[in-house]
Amino acid sequence: MSAKEGHHVPVLLDPLLEHLSLKTDGIYIDGTFGRGGHSKALIERLGAEGRLFVIDRDEQAIFFAKKLAQQDSRIVVVQGSFGSIAEIAAAEGIAGKVNGLFLDLGVSSPQLDDPERGFSFQFDGPLDMRMDRSSGMSAADWLDTVAESELRAVIKNYGEDIAAKKIARVICEARDLKSIRTTKQLAELIEKVISRKNNGKHPATKTFQAIRIQVNDELTELKKFLDSALGVLAPFGRLSVISFHSLEDRLVKRYMRNLSRIDPQLAEIPLVPDLAQPRLNLLTKAIRPSIQEVKKNRRARSAVLRVAEKLR
């Protein structure tokens, strides 16, 4: 198979490694390998007994992960979604034994920069947007069949775009005449009805984000991952998540906050049962990239890292 290496700069690398508090003989999971920027830095810090499991559903990411694993026997590659982390950990015999588990959510630079993937309106290419092109419905096929009301809800909820109604209507009117098959077609449609913002942001930005989230069922996968994380981690194992937009970060923040405190309904009773005790310790507030990092890597500007530790 052919695959493009692309240029990918790992975001928030130093704080991620610092807060994972690496054990040289520990077991770690990178649930979003991408091009392996975080994984390569982590494996350099592990000893001979350490192990790193890397997961991705993108076939090109798996191609590069396997190349890296051929050079280092401490790396185990699994093609799949991080939403299946519980099943993957059980199959690998590491459930409840993992010292660090981390995600770098969103789309990697090589995915954005490859016109054939259809993630970006900066290039004209097939309107695909699937992380795993071997399964599921492409963005073009989804737009062919989706009801206008559902499309409007997706753009409003996942894109957080106040112009969702207008955008959904123009897309459905156009697709009823001719299928929308390329990124350029979709971007130009939206630009006809929504003017560019003063900040220069393309009016199609939020719609592309929303459709990508829908096509890949990204928020459902993140919820499944969070629900499974405690069962995968060892006691005092670290959970780290880098998010790039408010919907993801809100889910992570709420999950970590809720599990780091006693249920308010039980907090006043004399003896709080073990099941109601905090399960996580919040290790830091939201960590954002420095001005220097954003200058070097503009795509880091919206990144947020949250870290918590399993208590038992």
Protein backbone atom coordinates (compact mmCIF):
# COMPACT_ATOMS: atom_id res chain seq x y z
CA MET A 1 0.00 0.00 0.00
CA SER A 2 1.10 3.55 -0.55
CA ALA A 3 0.88 6.12 2.20
CA LYS A 4 1.94 9.68 2.64
CA GLU A 5 4.23 10.39 5.56
CA GLY A 6 3.09 13.99 5.87
CA HIS A 7 4.44 16.42 8.43
CA HIS A 8 2.95 16.15 11.88
CA VAL A 9 4.08 18.03 14.95
CA PRO A 10 2.80 16.47 18.21
CA VAL A 11 0.80 18.97 20.24
CA LEU A 12 1.46 19.61 23.95
CA LEU A 13 4.13 16.91 23.93
CA ASP A 14 6.16 18.05 26.94
CA PRO A 15 3.22 18.50 29.36
CA LEU A 16 1.70 15.22 28.20
CA LEU A 17 4.88 13.28 28.96
CA GLU A 18 5.40 15.14 32.23
CA HIS A 19 1.93 14.39 33.57
CA LEU A 20 1.94 10.76 32.46
CA SER A 21 4.70 10.34 35.09
CA LEU A 22 6.30 7.56 33.07
CA LYS A 23 7.53 4.35 34.66
CA THR A 24 10.35 2.82 32.65
CA ASP A 25 8.79 -0.66 32.95
CA GLY A 26 5.20 0.57 32.58
CA ILE A 27 2.44 -0.26 30.11
CA TYR A 28 1.05 2.61 28.04
CA ILE A 29 -1.59 3.03 25.37
CA ASP A 30 -1.67 5.66 22.65
CA GLY A 31 -5.29 5.49 21.48
CA THR A 32 -4.77 7.83 18.52
CA PHE A 33 -1.41 6.99 16.94
CA GLY A 34 -1.71 9.29 13.91
CA ARG A 35 1.89 9.59 12.74
CA GLY A 36 3.27 8.62 16.12
CA GLY A 37 4.71 11.91 17.37
CA HIS A 38 3.67 11.30 20.96
CA SER A 39 4.42 7.57 20.78
CA LYS A 40 7.95 8.04 19.46
CA ALA A 41 8.80 10.42 22.29
CA LEU A 42 7.25 8.09 24.88
CA ILE A 43 8.98 4.92 23.72
CA GLU A 44 12.35 6.66 23.99
CA ARG A 45 11.69 7.06 27.72
CA LEU A 46 10.70 3.45 28.42
CA GLY A 47 13.08 0.75 29.50
CA ALA A 48 13.51 -2.73 28.09
CA GLU A 49 10.52 -4.04 30.08
CA GLY A 50 8.19 -1.21 29.12
CA ARG A 51 5.43 -1.70 26.53
CA LEU A 52 3.49 0.66 24.33
CA PHE A 53 0.22 -0.30 22.63
CA VAL A 54 -0.77 1.96 19.76
CA ILE A 55 -4.28 2.11 18.31
CA ASP A 56 -5.74 3.84 15.26
CA ARG A 57 -8.56 3.16 12.82
CA ASP A 58 -6.86 4.97 9.94
CA GLU A 59 -5.16 2.50 7.61
CA GLN A 60 -2.33 4.93 6.79
CA ALA A 61 -1.64 5.51 10.49
CA ILE A 62 -1.48 1.73 10.99
CA PHE A 63 0.96 1.47 8.06
CA PHE A 64 3.40 3.81 9.85
CA ALA A 65 2.73 2.26 13.25
CA LYS A 66 3.72 -1.16 11.91
CA LYS A 67 6.91 0.30 10.43
CA LEU A 68 7.79 1.67 13.86
CA ALA A 69 6.92 -1.64 15.56
CA GLN A 70 9.25 -3.51 13.19
CA GLN A 71 12.09 -1.49 14.68
CA ASP A 72 11.02 -1.86 18.31
CA SER A 73 9.56 -5.03 19.83
CA ARG A 74 8.15 -3.09 22.79
CA ILE A 75 5.44 -1.65 20.50
CA VAL A 76 2.19 -3.51 19.80
CA VAL A 77 -0.05 -2.22 16.98
CA VAL A 78 -3.84 -2.62 16.98
CA GLN A 79 -6.11 -1.35 14.22
CA GLY A 80 -9.38 -0.21 15.72
CA SER A 81 -11.17 2.63 17.42
CA PHE A 82 -10.27 3.95 20.85
CA GLY A 83 -13.95 3.55 21.67
CA SER A 84 -13.23 -0.20 21.79
CA ILE A 85 -10.46 0.26 24.36
CA ALA A 86 -12.04 -2.15 26.85
CA GLU A 87 -12.22 -4.97 24.29
CA ILE A 88 -8.71 -4.24 23.02
CA ALA A 89 -7.21 -4.20 26.53
CA ALA A 90 -8.99 -7.46 27.41
CA ALA A 91 -7.80 -9.15 24.21
CA GLU A 92 -4.20 -8.06 24.90
CA GLY A 93 -4.36 -9.16 28.53
CA ILE A 94 -3.65 -5.71 29.95
CA ALA A 95 -7.04 -4.66 31.37
CA GLY A 96 -6.47 -3.05 34.78
CA LYS A 97 -2.70 -3.00 34.24
CA VAL A 98 -2.15 0.13 32.13
CA ASN A 99 -0.04 2.89 33.71
CA GLY A 100 -0.93 5.56 31.19
CA LEU A 101 -3.65 6.00 28.61
CA PHE A 102 -3.83 9.00 26.28
CA LEU A 103 -5.69 10.43 23.30
CA ASP A 104 -4.88 13.22 20.86
CA LEU A 105 -8.31 13.84 19.39
CA GLY A 106 -9.32 15.34 16.06
CA VAL A 107 -7.69 15.08 12.65
CA SER A 108 -3.94 14.74 12.16
CA SER A 109 -1.98 17.09 9.90
CA PRO A 110 -1.31 14.35 7.29
CA GLN A 111 -5.04 13.65 7.09
CA LEU A 112 -5.86 17.35 6.67
CA ASP A 113 -3.14 17.84 4.08
CA ASP A 114 -4.11 14.86 1.90
CA PRO A 115 -6.76 15.97 -0.66
CA GLU A 116 -7.84 12.34 -1.16
CA ARG A 117 -9.13 12.15 2.43
CA GLY A 118 -11.62 14.99 2.02
CA PHE A 119 -11.18 16.48 5.49
CA SER A 120 -10.27 19.99 4.38
CA PHE A 121 -11.78 22.58 2.03
CA GLN A 122 -8.28 23.96 1.47
CA PHE A 123 -7.84 21.34 -1.27
CA ASP A 124 -10.27 19.94 -3.81
CA GLY A 125 -10.77 16.22 -3.45
CA PRO A 126 -13.34 13.46 -2.84
CA LEU A 127 -15.74 14.31 -0.03
CA ASP A 128 -14.88 11.29 2.11
CA MET A 129 -13.88 12.31 5.69
CA ARG A 130 -13.81 8.74 7.05
CA MET A 131 -11.04 7.88 9.50
CA ASP A 132 -11.41 4.25 8.37
CA ARG A 133 -12.08 4.18 4.64
CA SER A 134 -12.76 0.43 4.70
CA SER A 135 -16.07 0.84 6.51
CA GLY A 136 -18.97 3.18 7.00
CA MET A 137 -20.53 5.83 4.79
CA SER A 138 -18.49 8.61 3.20
CA ALA A 139 -19.50 12.24 3.77
CA ALA A 140 -20.68 12.46 0.15
CA ASP A 141 -22.91 9.40 0.49
CA TRP A 142 -24.28 10.65 3.81
CA LEU A 143 -25.15 14.03 2.29
CA ASP A 144 -26.96 12.22 -0.54
CA THR A 145 -29.45 10.65 1.85
CA VAL A 146 -29.66 12.70 5.06
CA ALA A 147 -32.89 14.53 5.84
CA GLU A 148 -32.63 18.31 5.96
CA SER A 149 -33.77 18.36 9.59
CA GLU A 150 -31.03 15.93 10.62
CA LEU A 151 -28.38 17.83 8.66
CA ARG A 152 -29.48 21.06 10.34
CA ALA A 153 -29.20 19.43 13.78
CA VAL A 154 -25.73 18.02 13.01
CA ILE A 155 -24.40 21.39 11.84
CA LYS A 156 -25.98 23.17 14.82
CA ASN A 157 -24.92 20.67 17.49
CA TYR A 158 -21.55 19.45 16.20
CA GLY A 159 -20.48 22.57 14.34
CA GLU A 160 -22.07 24.99 16.83
CA ASP A 161 -22.99 27.15 13.85
CA ILE A 162 -25.86 29.64 14.22
CA ALA A 163 -26.34 29.56 10.43
CA ALA A 164 -27.14 25.81 10.49
CA LYS A 165 -30.67 26.22 9.09
CA LYS A 166 -29.54 28.28 6.10
CA ILE A 167 -26.58 26.00 5.36
CA ALA A 168 -28.64 22.81 5.59
CA ARG A 169 -31.26 24.21 3.24
CA VAL A 170 -28.78 25.24 0.53
CA ILE A 171 -26.97 21.88 0.72
CA CYS A 172 -30.19 19.90 0.38
CA GLU A 173 -31.49 22.07 -2.46
CA ALA A 174 -28.21 21.57 -4.34
CA ARG A 175 -27.90 17.84 -3.70
CA ASP A 176 -31.47 17.25 -4.90
CA LEU A 177 -30.32 18.49 -8.30
CA LYS A 178 -26.83 16.97 -8.31
CA SER A 179 -24.82 14.93 -5.80
CA ILE A 180 -22.17 16.84 -3.87
CA ARG A 181 -19.08 14.70 -4.36
CA THR A 182 -16.09 17.00 -3.71
CA THR A 183 -14.83 19.27 -0.95
CA LYS A 184 -14.76 22.21 -3.34
CA GLN A 185 -18.43 21.77 -4.26
CA LEU A 186 -19.48 21.77 -0.62
CA ALA A 187 -17.27 24.70 0.40
CA GLU A 188 -18.41 26.86 -2.53
CA LEU A 189 -22.07 26.13 -1.78
CA ILE A 190 -21.70 27.36 1.78
CA GLU A 191 -19.67 30.40 0.76
CA LYS A 192 -22.49 31.51 -1.55
CA VAL A 193 -24.88 31.96 1.36
CA ILE A 194 -22.57 32.73 4.29
CA SER A 195 -20.03 35.55 4.03
CA ARG A 196 -16.50 35.22 5.37
CA LYS A 197 -15.95 36.30 8.95
CA ASN A 198 -13.86 39.34 9.80
CA ASN A 199 -11.26 36.98 11.27
CA GLY A 200 -10.82 35.38 7.86
CA LYS A 201 -12.28 32.02 8.89
CA HIS A 202 -13.90 30.22 5.99
CA PRO A 203 -17.69 29.93 6.45
CA ALA A 204 -17.51 26.19 5.72
CA THR A 205 -15.18 25.50 8.67
CA LYS A 206 -17.87 24.54 11.18
CA THR A 207 -19.91 22.53 8.68
CA PHE A 208 -16.88 20.45 7.68
CA GLN A 209 -16.16 19.81 11.36
CA ALA A 210 -19.76 18.82 12.03
CA ILE A 211 -20.00 16.41 9.10
CA ARG A 212 -16.67 14.81 10.01
CA ILE A 213 -17.82 14.24 13.60
CA GLN A 214 -21.07 12.71 12.32
CA VAL A 215 -19.47 10.45 9.70
CA ASN A 216 -16.96 9.06 12.21
CA ASP A 217 -19.36 9.02 15.18
CA GLU A 218 -16.58 10.73 17.11
CA LEU A 219 -18.47 11.83 20.21
CA THR A 220 -20.00 8.38 20.71
CA GLU A 221 -16.53 6.83 20.45
CA LEU A 222 -15.18 9.31 23.00
CA LYS A 223 -18.03 8.55 25.42
CA LYS A 224 -17.38 4.80 25.07
CA PHE A 225 -13.69 5.38 25.69
CA LEU A 226 -14.28 7.43 28.83
CA ASP A 227 -16.76 4.88 30.18
CA SER A 228 -14.10 2.17 29.76
CA ALA A 229 -10.98 4.05 30.87
CA LEU A 230 -11.09 3.15 34.57
CA GLY A 231 -11.34 -0.55 33.80
CA VAL A 232 -8.24 -0.35 31.63
CA LEU A 233 -6.04 1.66 33.98
CA ALA A 234 -4.03 0.23 36.86
CA PRO A 235 -4.41 1.89 40.29
CA PHE A 236 -2.73 5.33 40.05
CA GLY A 237 -2.59 5.04 36.28
CA ARG A 238 -2.85 8.32 34.39
CA LEU A 239 -5.53 9.34 31.89
CA SER A 240 -4.63 12.17 29.50
CA VAL A 241 -6.79 13.63 26.73
CA ILE A 242 -5.94 16.39 24.26
CA SER A 243 -9.05 17.96 22.74
CA PHE A 244 -9.41 20.51 19.96
CA HIS A 245 -12.96 21.76 20.22
CA SER A 246 -15.44 22.52 22.95
CA LEU A 247 -17.70 19.49 22.46
CA GLU A 248 -14.85 17.04 23.09
CA ASP A 249 -13.36 19.06 25.92
CA ARG A 250 -16.74 19.43 27.60
CA LEU A 251 -17.20 15.65 27.66
CA VAL A 252 -13.72 15.06 29.08
CA LYS A 253 -14.00 17.86 31.65
CA ARG A 254 -17.40 16.64 32.88
CA TYR A 255 -16.25 13.02 33.09
CA MET A 256 -13.11 13.84 35.07
CA ARG A 257 -14.93 16.30 37.34
CA ASN A 258 -17.78 13.91 38.15
CA LEU A 259 -15.45 11.03 39.02
CA SER A 260 -13.17 13.22 41.14
CA ARG A 261 -15.79 14.07 43.77
CA ILE A 262 -18.28 12.37 46.04
CA ASP A 263 -21.82 12.26 44.73
CA PRO A 264 -23.36 15.50 46.14
CA GLN A 265 -26.44 13.54 47.26
CA LEU A 266 -24.26 11.34 49.47
CA ALA A 267 -21.67 13.87 50.60
CA GLU A 268 -23.48 14.77 53.82
CA ILE A 269 -24.00 11.26 55.19
CA PRO A 270 -21.64 10.15 58.01
CA LEU A 271 -20.17 7.17 56.17
CA VAL A 272 -19.89 7.44 52.40
CA PRO A 273 -19.87 3.97 50.75
CA ASP A 274 -16.82 2.98 48.74
CA LEU A 275 -18.77 2.98 45.49
CA ALA A 276 -19.58 6.67 45.99
CA GLN A 277 -16.01 7.72 46.77
CA PRO A 278 -14.00 9.67 44.15
CA ARG A 279 -12.43 7.43 41.52
CA LEU A 280 -10.13 10.02 39.95
CA ASN A 281 -7.75 12.68 41.19
CA LEU A 282 -7.57 15.76 38.97
CA LEU A 283 -3.86 16.47 38.55
CA THR A 284 -4.07 19.82 36.83
CA LYS A 285 -6.40 22.40 35.40
CA ALA A 286 -6.77 22.60 31.63
CA ILE A 287 -3.33 22.92 30.01
CA ARG A 288 -3.06 24.98 26.83
CA PRO A 289 -0.12 25.42 24.46
CA SER A 290 2.33 28.22 25.08
CA ILE A 291 2.57 31.23 22.79
CA GLN A 292 5.84 29.79 21.49
CA GLU A 293 4.24 26.45 20.59
CA VAL A 294 1.36 28.14 18.75
CA LYS A 295 3.84 30.25 16.78
CA LYS A 296 5.64 27.08 15.70
CA ASN A 297 2.47 25.06 15.09
CA ARG A 298 -0.69 27.07 14.36
CA ARG A 299 -2.85 23.95 14.58
CA ALA A 300 -2.03 23.74 18.29
CA ARG A 301 -3.88 26.97 19.08
CA SER A 302 -7.14 25.33 20.16
CA ALA A 303 -5.63 22.33 21.97
CA VAL A 304 -6.54 21.57 25.60
CA LEU A 305 -4.93 18.85 27.73
CA ARG A 306 -6.65 17.40 30.79
CA VAL A 307 -5.04 14.81 33.07
CA ALA A 308 -6.39 12.69 35.91
CA GLU A 309 -5.12 9.79 38.01
CA LYS A 310 -7.07 6.68 38.93
CA LEU A 311 -7.31 6.37 42.70
CA ARG A 312 -8.15 2.68 43.11
